[in-house]
Amino acid sequence: MEFESLKDGLLSTVDTGLKYARTIDREAEFELYLYYRNRAEVDIDQGVVKATDGIEEGNAVRVAKQNSVSFASSSGISLNRIKRSINEAIASLTSLSVKDERFKGFCEPKKPGREGAFAREILDLSREELITYASNLVKDGQGFDRRIKTVAGSSSAEWGGFAVGNTQGLLQASRSASNSCYVYCMAVQEEERKSAYEYDISRERLINTEDLGETAARKAIDLLNAQKLNKTTVLPTIWEPNAAAAYIYTSFGQSARGEYVVEGRSPIADKIGKEIATPKLTILDDGQELSYPSTEAIDAEGYPQQTNTVIEKGKLTRFLFDTYYSRIYGTESTGNCSRGGGPFGSTLPYETSPLIRPKYFEVKPGSKSLDDIIASTDGQAILITDAPIGIFHSSVATGEFSSVANSAYLIRDGEKKCPLQPVSVSGNFYEGFKQLLELGNDSKKTQYTVETPSLLFDGFSIVG
């Protein structure tokens, strides 16, 4: 398929597939999802170049009848592959003994939102250009310092889209394009090893690799000569954007999801309208900001994506819903139906039935620079520059977390003193938001579907 005709092609196929489904069972409800992605990627690691390109495509079918819902999927978007999934879903439906009395039908038709921006140059990126991008990243990292022993670089470009239709009369599609790059550097000094990374991702311009390799190498070198903290204490912690994004996604990115709220697993389920954080904190989930990677005209069930204010000046204002859970809760969908593996992309979208996820969290920044925040701290504090290990395995239900920061610095009397050997950072996410002292002005788009500035918290336990 060509990018210009992609939506029309997908919509035509969905319409044909639904017509076939109706001939099999006129009493059942059907939903058909088609996914198409053209992707090229180059990885360079230890001098070995691995270049891949190809097309990922697949279909997913849901069938509902008499409060039973079945799901089937397969790779490919040809009519034969779609018919196979439809027949498998119908066969599964007849064998189901469990009813879902809460199911009230698939998504109803709505006017779509807007697609995100994209640079047409992304469509024309060749494998050779991607190899050049990755090579430049590796070259710049290796040439920075003789203590940089391992450098890996990657670059990718992709474009594609998806379409959704159902027997409620919904028939919608959206398309997008993006490109990204990533560089990893490891510094070695005697028995000490420290690593760091940098990246760029955009849908509205070509990626810029300039200085990324050197920046990652410099960050790794700066972490050498790490000192032991040699204490167990409670200290203020400053989380730079990559670390702060992991904190935001693991806390409100999970507990604000409608299924956790409805099923009683979210500790903020009864907090709508209440102050749950410092008044300095405002968080939007924005599925319509043109520059965000996940902005689409519709979500994964065909509902228009939108901008949702989750927290406004410290008060919880909204949860995130798809059609299924919004009807149980007694509200409307917020356009947050998703498919696939979230920010880490562990599964292909057509391989999983719909679920709820944030589209892209935006934490409204403060006015202070990171240097000003550091300078404002009295006594000792800890600066965390990258996502701590283990933070993504924290408890949504309780908010308790315990993680290890491998990239951390000691702050003393407002000055960045020295890198630290790994320190354990633990506490409670939700209590932490009440002790959020400052938000920086250094907002950054991250790989965790969060744009956030640096955050200064008080009151977490530190073991070093």
Protein backbone atom coordinates (compact mmCIF):
# COMPACT_ATOMS: atom_id res chain seq x y z
CA MET A 1 0.00 0.00 0.00
CA GLU A 2 0.95 3.64 -0.47
CA PHE A 3 0.68 6.16 2.37
CA GLU A 4 -1.74 8.41 0.46
CA SER A 5 -4.23 5.60 -0.25
CA LEU A 6 -3.72 3.66 2.99
CA LYS A 7 -6.88 4.77 4.81
CA ASP A 8 -9.14 4.19 1.81
CA GLY A 9 -7.67 0.73 1.28
CA LEU A 10 -8.06 -0.31 4.90
CA LEU A 11 -11.60 1.07 5.17
CA SER A 12 -12.70 -0.73 2.02
CA THR A 13 -11.34 -4.01 3.35
CA VAL A 14 -13.02 -3.53 6.74
CA ASP A 15 -16.34 -2.85 5.06
CA THR A 16 -16.02 -5.99 2.93
CA GLY A 17 -15.07 -8.07 5.96
CA LEU A 18 -18.08 -6.87 7.95
CA LYS A 19 -20.42 -7.67 5.09
CA TYR A 20 -19.04 -11.20 5.03
CA ALA A 21 -19.48 -11.50 8.81
CA ARG A 22 -23.15 -10.53 8.53
CA THR A 23 -23.74 -13.37 6.08
CA ILE A 24 -22.47 -15.84 8.67
CA ASP A 25 -24.54 -14.59 11.61
CA ARG A 26 -27.03 -11.72 11.32
CA GLU A 27 -27.86 -11.73 15.01
CA ALA A 28 -24.32 -11.24 16.29
CA GLU A 29 -22.40 -7.98 16.63
CA PHE A 30 -19.00 -7.79 14.92
CA GLU A 31 -15.96 -5.54 15.28
CA LEU A 32 -13.05 -5.71 12.82
CA TYR A 33 -9.65 -4.09 13.38
CA LEU A 34 -6.94 -3.91 10.68
CA TYR A 35 -3.33 -2.89 11.30
CA TYR A 36 -0.64 -2.02 8.73
CA ARG A 37 2.88 -0.80 9.45
CA ASN A 38 5.88 -0.34 7.12
CA ARG A 39 9.03 -0.27 9.26
CA ALA A 40 12.78 -0.11 8.64
CA GLU A 41 15.37 -0.37 11.43
CA VAL A 42 19.16 -0.40 11.69
CA ASP A 43 21.08 -1.58 14.76
CA ILE A 44 24.86 -1.32 15.15
CA ASP A 45 26.39 -3.12 18.11
CA GLN A 46 30.08 -3.91 18.54
CA GLY A 47 30.63 -3.14 14.86
CA VAL A 48 27.95 -5.56 13.67
CA VAL A 49 25.31 -3.95 11.47
CA LYS A 50 21.83 -5.45 11.44
CA ALA A 51 19.37 -3.86 9.03
CA THR A 52 15.76 -4.98 8.71
CA ASP A 53 12.76 -3.69 6.89
CA GLY A 54 9.35 -5.06 6.17
CA ILE A 55 5.65 -4.84 6.72
CA GLU A 56 3.70 -5.79 9.83
CA GLU A 57 0.04 -6.34 9.16
CA GLY A 58 -2.77 -8.18 10.83
CA ASN A 59 -6.42 -8.30 11.75
CA ALA A 60 -8.45 -8.78 14.92
CA VAL A 61 -12.11 -9.70 15.25
CA ARG A 62 -14.49 -9.50 18.19
CA VAL A 63 -17.92 -11.12 18.06
CA ALA A 64 -20.67 -10.52 20.62
CA LYS A 65 -23.95 -12.37 21.07
CA GLN A 66 -26.22 -12.83 24.05
CA ASN A 67 -23.69 -11.32 26.49
CA SER A 68 -20.82 -13.49 25.29
CA VAL A 69 -17.80 -11.93 23.56
CA SER A 70 -15.07 -13.80 21.68
CA PHE A 71 -11.80 -12.68 20.10
CA ALA A 72 -9.63 -14.00 17.26
CA SER A 73 -6.71 -12.57 15.29
CA SER A 74 -4.22 -13.47 12.60
CA SER A 75 -1.43 -11.89 10.60
CA GLY A 76 -2.31 -10.45 7.20
CA ILE A 77 -5.11 -8.19 6.03
CA SER A 78 -6.24 -10.09 2.95
CA LEU A 79 -9.90 -10.99 2.81
CA ASN A 80 -9.07 -14.69 3.23
CA ARG A 81 -7.13 -14.01 6.45
CA ILE A 82 -9.95 -11.82 7.74
CA LYS A 83 -12.55 -14.50 6.97
CA ARG A 84 -10.43 -17.00 8.87
CA SER A 85 -10.41 -14.79 11.97
CA ILE A 86 -14.16 -14.18 11.70
CA ASN A 87 -14.88 -17.89 11.50
CA GLU A 88 -12.55 -18.64 14.43
CA ALA A 89 -14.20 -15.94 16.56
CA ILE A 90 -17.66 -17.33 15.78
CA ALA A 91 -16.53 -20.85 16.61
CA SER A 92 -15.09 -19.63 19.92
CA LEU A 93 -18.31 -17.82 20.70
CA THR A 94 -20.39 -20.99 20.48
CA SER A 95 -18.14 -22.73 23.00
CA LEU A 96 -18.20 -19.97 25.61
CA SER A 97 -20.05 -20.81 28.80
CA VAL A 98 -19.28 -17.56 30.66
CA LYS A 99 -21.55 -14.58 30.08
CA ASP A 100 -20.53 -10.97 30.51
CA GLU A 101 -23.67 -9.19 31.67
CA ARG A 102 -21.82 -5.86 31.69
CA PHE A 103 -21.17 -5.85 27.94
CA LYS A 104 -23.47 -3.31 26.25
CA GLY A 105 -22.22 -3.35 22.67
CA PHE A 106 -19.29 -2.04 20.67
CA CYS A 107 -18.30 1.60 20.19
CA GLU A 108 -20.90 3.83 18.55
CA PRO A 109 -19.94 6.11 15.62
CA LYS A 110 -18.56 9.56 16.49
CA LYS A 111 -16.88 12.32 14.51
CA PRO A 112 -13.13 11.53 14.53
CA GLY A 113 -10.45 13.75 16.01
CA ARG A 114 -7.39 14.88 14.12
CA GLU A 115 -4.35 12.91 13.07
CA GLY A 116 -0.92 13.91 14.33
CA ALA A 117 1.62 15.81 12.27
CA PHE A 118 4.15 14.00 10.12
CA ALA A 119 7.10 14.94 7.95
CA ARG A 120 6.76 13.59 4.44
CA GLU A 121 10.55 13.12 4.35
CA ILE A 122 10.12 10.22 6.77
CA LEU A 123 8.35 8.24 4.05
CA ASP A 124 11.43 8.48 1.84
CA LEU A 125 14.10 7.49 4.37
CA SER A 126 16.20 4.68 2.90
CA ARG A 127 18.04 1.88 4.64
CA GLU A 128 21.31 3.54 3.67
CA GLU A 129 20.31 6.79 5.36
CA LEU A 130 19.32 4.92 8.51
CA ILE A 131 22.70 3.16 8.49
CA THR A 132 24.37 6.58 8.26
CA TYR A 133 22.36 7.85 11.23
CA ALA A 134 23.27 4.85 13.37
CA SER A 135 26.92 4.96 12.27
CA ASN A 136 27.23 8.62 13.24
CA LEU A 137 25.83 7.88 16.68
CA VAL A 138 28.36 5.10 17.24
CA LYS A 139 31.27 7.10 15.83
CA ASP A 140 30.55 10.13 18.01
CA GLY A 141 30.19 8.01 21.13
CA GLN A 142 33.37 6.01 20.53
CA GLY A 143 35.44 9.09 19.79
CA PHE A 144 34.54 10.98 22.91
CA ASP A 145 36.85 9.29 25.44
CA ARG A 146 39.10 6.22 25.50
CA ARG A 147 37.18 4.91 28.51
CA ILE A 148 34.10 4.41 26.34
CA LYS A 149 34.39 0.71 25.53
CA THR A 150 30.93 -0.22 24.24
CA VAL A 151 28.68 1.81 21.97
CA ALA A 152 25.46 0.67 20.32
CA GLY A 153 23.33 2.80 18.05
CA SER A 154 20.05 2.35 16.25
CA SER A 155 17.73 4.28 13.97
CA SER A 156 14.31 3.53 12.57
CA ALA A 157 11.55 4.94 10.40
CA GLU A 158 7.98 3.76 10.08
CA TRP A 159 4.64 4.70 8.63
CA GLY A 160 1.28 3.06 8.58
CA GLY A 161 -2.20 3.12 9.97
CA PHE A 162 -5.18 1.18 11.23
CA ALA A 163 -8.91 0.98 10.60
CA VAL A 164 -11.83 -0.07 12.77
CA GLY A 165 -15.39 -0.95 11.83
CA ASN A 166 -18.32 -2.57 13.55
CA THR A 167 -21.93 -3.46 12.99
CA GLN A 168 -23.03 -0.36 14.93
CA GLY A 169 -22.19 1.58 11.76
CA LEU A 170 -18.73 2.71 12.82
CA LEU A 171 -16.09 2.85 10.05
CA GLN A 172 -12.97 4.93 10.78
CA ALA A 173 -9.23 4.95 10.10
CA SER A 174 -6.10 6.88 11.03
CA ARG A 175 -2.50 6.97 9.80
CA SER A 176 0.86 8.22 11.06
CA ALA A 177 4.61 8.28 10.45
CA SER A 178 7.61 8.70 12.76
CA ASN A 179 11.35 8.19 13.01
CA SER A 180 13.66 7.66 15.98
CA CYS A 181 17.22 6.95 17.03
CA TYR A 182 18.95 5.68 20.17
CA VAL A 183 22.55 5.45 21.35
CA TYR A 184 23.94 3.53 24.33
CA CYS A 185 27.44 4.00 25.75
CA MET A 186 29.32 2.08 28.44
CA ALA A 187 32.32 3.58 30.19
CA VAL A 188 34.86 1.28 31.84
CA GLN A 189 37.49 2.25 34.39
CA GLU A 190 39.27 -0.59 36.19
CA GLU A 191 36.43 -2.69 37.65
CA GLU A 192 33.83 0.03 37.37
CA ARG A 193 31.27 0.10 34.57
CA LYS A 194 28.75 2.84 33.96
CA SER A 195 26.29 3.28 31.11
CA ALA A 196 24.06 6.00 29.70
CA TYR A 197 21.90 6.62 26.67
CA GLU A 198 20.34 9.35 24.56
CA TYR A 199 17.64 9.34 21.91
CA ASP A 200 15.53 11.41 19.57
CA ILE A 201 12.04 10.68 18.28
CA SER A 202 9.80 12.78 16.09
CA ARG A 203 6.89 12.61 13.68
CA GLU A 204 7.16 16.23 12.46
CA ARG A 205 10.81 16.30 11.34
CA LEU A 206 13.73 14.03 10.55
CA ILE A 207 15.69 12.86 13.57
CA ASN A 208 18.77 14.82 14.61
CA THR A 209 21.74 12.70 15.65
CA GLU A 210 24.11 15.60 16.20
CA ASP A 211 25.75 15.49 19.65
CA LEU A 212 23.64 12.53 20.84
CA GLY A 213 26.58 10.10 20.82
CA GLU A 214 28.81 12.56 22.65
CA THR A 215 26.07 13.38 25.15
CA ALA A 216 25.51 9.70 26.01
CA ALA A 217 29.28 9.15 26.32
CA ARG A 218 29.71 12.19 28.54
CA LYS A 219 26.89 11.02 30.82
CA ALA A 220 28.52 7.60 31.16
CA ILE A 221 31.96 9.11 31.91
CA ASP A 222 30.45 11.47 34.50
CA LEU A 223 29.08 8.47 36.42
CA LEU A 224 32.56 7.00 36.95
CA ASN A 225 34.36 7.27 40.28
CA ALA A 226 31.08 6.68 42.05
CA GLN A 227 31.11 6.93 45.84
CA LYS A 228 29.17 4.97 48.44
CA LEU A 229 26.47 6.86 50.27
CA ASN A 230 27.03 4.66 53.34
CA LYS A 231 23.76 5.44 55.06
CA THR A 232 20.09 4.66 55.33
CA THR A 233 18.09 7.85 55.51
CA VAL A 234 15.23 9.95 54.17
CA LEU A 235 16.25 12.58 51.63
CA PRO A 236 14.81 14.85 48.95
CA THR A 237 15.13 13.34 45.48
CA ILE A 238 15.33 15.15 42.16
CA TRP A 239 14.11 13.09 39.21
CA GLU A 240 15.30 14.26 35.79
CA PRO A 241 12.74 13.86 32.94
CA ASN A 242 13.55 10.24 31.99
CA ALA A 243 13.27 9.16 35.62
CA ALA A 244 10.25 11.39 36.31
CA ALA A 245 8.43 9.94 33.28
CA ALA A 246 8.84 6.42 34.65
CA TYR A 247 7.45 7.62 38.00
CA ILE A 248 4.43 9.28 36.35
CA TYR A 249 3.63 6.38 34.03
CA THR A 250 3.90 3.75 36.75
CA SER A 251 1.67 5.69 39.15
CA PHE A 252 -1.10 7.75 37.56
CA GLY A 253 -0.53 6.11 34.19
CA GLN A 254 -1.87 2.92 35.78
CA SER A 255 -4.19 3.97 38.62
CA ALA A 256 -6.18 6.36 36.39
CA ARG A 257 -7.07 3.53 33.98
CA GLY A 258 -10.77 2.77 34.00
CA GLU A 259 -10.48 -0.98 34.44
CA TYR A 260 -8.47 -0.54 37.64
CA VAL A 261 -11.03 1.97 38.90
CA VAL A 262 -14.08 -0.19 38.10
CA GLU A 263 -12.51 -3.41 39.38
CA GLY A 264 -11.51 -1.78 42.66
CA ARG A 265 -7.74 -2.02 42.17
CA SER A 266 -6.99 1.71 42.04
CA PRO A 267 -6.28 3.54 45.31
CA ILE A 268 -7.64 6.76 43.78
CA ALA A 269 -10.97 5.26 42.66
CA ASP A 270 -12.96 7.39 45.12
CA LYS A 271 -10.85 10.55 44.85
CA ILE A 272 -12.54 12.43 41.97
CA GLY A 273 -12.72 16.12 42.89
CA LYS A 274 -10.33 15.68 45.79
CA GLU A 275 -6.84 17.08 46.20
CA ILE A 276 -4.37 14.20 45.78
CA ALA A 277 -1.22 16.15 44.93
CA THR A 278 0.42 19.52 45.36
CA PRO A 279 -1.51 22.35 43.67
CA LYS A 280 1.56 22.81 41.48
CA LEU A 281 0.75 19.58 39.60
CA THR A 282 -1.39 19.48 36.45
CA ILE A 283 -1.36 16.42 34.18
CA LEU A 284 -3.11 16.11 30.83
CA ASP A 285 -3.52 12.95 28.80
CA ASP A 286 -3.34 14.42 25.32
CA GLY A 287 -4.34 12.29 22.34
CA GLN A 288 -4.61 15.32 20.06
CA GLU A 289 -1.32 17.22 20.45
CA LEU A 290 0.04 17.09 16.89
CA SER A 291 3.66 16.43 17.88
CA TYR A 292 3.02 13.47 20.23
CA PRO A 293 3.91 10.03 18.82
CA SER A 294 0.59 8.42 19.82
CA THR A 295 -1.76 11.09 18.46
CA GLU A 296 -4.36 9.59 16.13
CA ALA A 297 -7.80 10.57 14.85
CA ILE A 298 -9.36 7.62 16.69
CA ASP A 299 -8.44 5.16 19.39
CA ALA A 300 -8.17 1.40 18.91
CA GLU A 301 -11.95 0.83 18.90
CA GLY A 302 -12.79 3.82 16.70
CA TYR A 303 -13.68 6.44 19.33
CA PRO A 304 -12.19 9.91 18.71
CA GLN A 305 -9.03 10.60 20.69
CA GLN A 306 -9.16 13.73 22.80
CA THR A 307 -7.40 15.81 25.43
CA ASN A 308 -8.27 14.78 28.99
CA THR A 309 -7.25 16.66 32.13
CA VAL A 310 -6.44 13.96 34.70
CA ILE A 311 -5.12 16.21 37.48
CA GLU A 312 -5.69 19.95 37.64
CA LYS A 313 -3.81 21.97 40.24
CA GLY A 314 -3.53 18.91 42.46
CA LYS A 315 -7.16 17.76 42.16
CA LEU A 316 -8.12 14.50 40.46
CA THR A 317 -10.56 15.42 37.69
CA ARG A 318 -10.92 12.41 35.39
CA PHE A 319 -10.20 8.73 34.81
CA LEU A 320 -9.34 7.19 31.44
CA PHE A 321 -11.91 4.95 29.78
CA ASP A 322 -12.79 2.89 26.75
CA THR A 323 -16.39 2.16 25.75
CA TYR A 324 -16.78 -1.01 27.83
CA TYR A 325 -15.63 0.36 31.18
CA SER A 326 -17.09 3.84 30.65
CA ARG A 327 -20.57 2.31 30.38
CA ILE A 328 -20.07 0.33 33.58
CA TYR A 329 -18.84 3.46 35.38
CA GLY A 330 -21.67 5.57 33.99
CA THR A 331 -19.75 8.02 31.81
CA GLU A 332 -18.46 8.32 28.24
CA SER A 333 -15.26 6.98 26.76
CA THR A 334 -12.26 9.30 26.93
CA GLY A 335 -10.75 7.86 23.73
CA ASN A 336 -8.18 5.73 25.56
CA CYS A 337 -8.79 2.31 24.05
CA SER A 338 -5.46 0.79 23.00
CA ARG A 339 -4.05 -2.45 21.67
CA GLY A 340 -0.55 -3.84 22.04
CA GLY A 341 2.17 -3.61 24.63
CA GLY A 342 2.07 0.00 25.81
CA PRO A 343 5.26 2.12 25.79
CA PHE A 344 7.51 -0.92 25.37
CA GLY A 345 5.68 -2.37 22.36
CA SER A 346 6.02 -5.97 23.46
CA THR A 347 3.10 -7.24 21.36
CA LEU A 348 1.66 -6.37 17.98
CA PRO A 349 -1.58 -4.38 18.27
CA TYR A 350 -3.74 -6.93 16.46
CA GLU A 351 -2.62 -9.74 18.76
CA THR A 352 -4.39 -8.41 21.85
CA SER A 353 -7.97 -7.51 22.62
CA PRO A 354 -8.62 -3.86 23.53
CA LEU A 355 -7.49 -2.39 26.84
CA ILE A 356 -7.09 1.06 28.37
CA ARG A 357 -3.85 3.03 28.33
CA PRO A 358 -2.82 6.70 28.48
CA LYS A 359 -2.19 8.19 25.06
CA TYR A 360 0.46 10.70 26.10
CA PHE A 361 0.75 12.29 29.54
CA GLU A 362 1.81 15.92 29.63
CA VAL A 363 2.99 17.26 32.97
CA LYS A 364 2.71 21.04 32.99
CA PRO A 365 6.15 22.51 33.76
CA GLY A 366 7.17 24.91 36.48
CA SER A 367 9.40 27.96 36.18
CA LYS A 368 12.74 26.82 37.65
CA SER A 369 15.63 25.32 35.72
CA LEU A 370 17.17 22.06 36.89
CA ASP A 371 20.20 24.02 38.14
CA ASP A 372 17.90 26.29 40.15
CA ILE A 373 16.14 23.29 41.68
CA ILE A 374 19.46 21.75 42.67
CA ALA A 375 20.62 25.06 44.13
CA SER A 376 17.41 25.36 46.17
CA THR A 377 18.03 22.16 48.17
CA ASP A 378 19.46 22.37 51.69
CA GLY A 379 21.71 19.69 53.12
CA GLN A 380 21.84 16.45 51.15
CA ALA A 381 19.65 15.27 48.29
CA ILE A 382 19.80 12.63 45.55
CA LEU A 383 19.68 13.41 41.83
CA ILE A 384 18.29 10.53 39.70
CA THR A 385 19.01 10.89 35.99
CA ASP A 386 17.45 7.73 34.45
CA ALA A 387 14.57 5.39 35.29
CA PRO A 388 15.45 3.32 38.37
CA ILE A 389 15.52 -0.45 37.99
CA GLY A 390 12.36 -2.15 39.24
CA ILE A 391 10.09 0.87 39.20
CA PHE A 392 7.84 -0.64 36.53
CA HIS A 393 7.14 -3.64 38.78
CA SER A 394 5.64 -1.52 41.55
CA SER A 395 2.21 -2.06 43.07
CA VAL A 396 -0.60 -0.08 41.46
CA ALA A 397 -3.02 -1.06 44.22
CA THR A 398 -0.94 0.25 47.11
CA GLY A 399 1.42 2.71 45.44
CA GLU A 400 4.38 1.21 47.28
CA PHE A 401 7.60 1.12 45.26
CA SER A 402 11.18 0.06 45.80
CA SER A 403 13.72 0.60 43.04
CA VAL A 404 17.44 0.91 42.45
CA ALA A 405 18.91 4.04 40.89
CA ASN A 406 22.06 3.13 39.00
CA SER A 407 22.44 6.66 37.63
CA ALA A 408 22.46 8.94 40.65
CA TYR A 409 24.41 11.84 42.15
CA LEU A 410 24.82 13.27 45.62
CA ILE A 411 23.66 16.85 46.07
CA ARG A 412 25.04 18.73 49.06
CA ASP A 413 24.08 22.29 50.02
CA GLY A 414 22.76 23.07 46.57
CA GLU A 415 25.70 21.67 44.60
CA LYS A 416 26.11 18.48 42.55
CA LYS A 417 29.02 16.77 44.29
CA CYS A 418 29.74 13.26 43.01
CA PRO A 419 28.18 10.21 41.32
CA LEU A 420 26.92 7.50 43.65
CA GLN A 421 27.11 3.77 43.58
CA PRO A 422 23.60 2.26 43.19
CA VAL A 423 21.15 3.49 45.80
CA SER A 424 17.77 2.07 46.72
CA VAL A 425 14.87 4.52 46.53
CA SER A 426 11.54 3.53 48.06
CA GLY A 427 8.30 5.08 49.16
CA ASN A 428 4.70 5.51 48.05
CA PHE A 429 3.85 7.06 44.70
CA TYR A 430 0.70 8.78 45.87
CA GLU A 431 2.16 10.16 49.08
CA GLY A 432 5.05 11.39 46.97
CA PHE A 433 2.78 13.61 44.89
CA LYS A 434 1.67 15.35 48.07
CA GLN A 435 5.35 16.00 48.82
CA LEU A 436 6.21 17.26 45.33
CA LEU A 437 8.13 20.45 46.07
CA GLU A 438 9.10 21.73 42.61
CA LEU A 439 8.58 21.13 38.90
CA GLY A 440 11.30 22.24 36.51
CA ASN A 441 11.01 24.04 33.18
CA ASP A 442 13.02 21.38 31.29
CA SER A 443 10.13 19.36 29.79
CA LYS A 444 11.16 16.47 27.56
CA LYS A 445 9.31 13.90 25.47
CA THR A 446 10.30 10.45 26.68
CA GLN A 447 9.99 6.84 25.54
CA TYR A 448 7.45 6.21 28.32
CA THR A 449 4.61 8.16 26.60
CA VAL A 450 5.12 11.02 29.06
CA GLU A 451 6.37 14.56 28.56
CA THR A 452 7.58 15.90 31.87
CA PRO A 453 10.06 18.28 33.46
CA SER A 454 12.35 17.36 36.35
CA LEU A 455 10.54 16.78 39.66
CA LEU A 456 11.74 17.42 43.22
CA PHE A 457 10.18 15.17 45.88
CA ASP A 458 10.66 15.13 49.63
CA GLY A 459 10.47 12.17 51.97
CA PHE A 460 11.60 9.00 50.14
CA SER A 461 13.75 6.42 51.87
CA ILE A 462 17.30 6.06 50.56
CA VAL A 463 19.64 3.13 51.19
CA GLY A 464 23.18 3.28 49.87
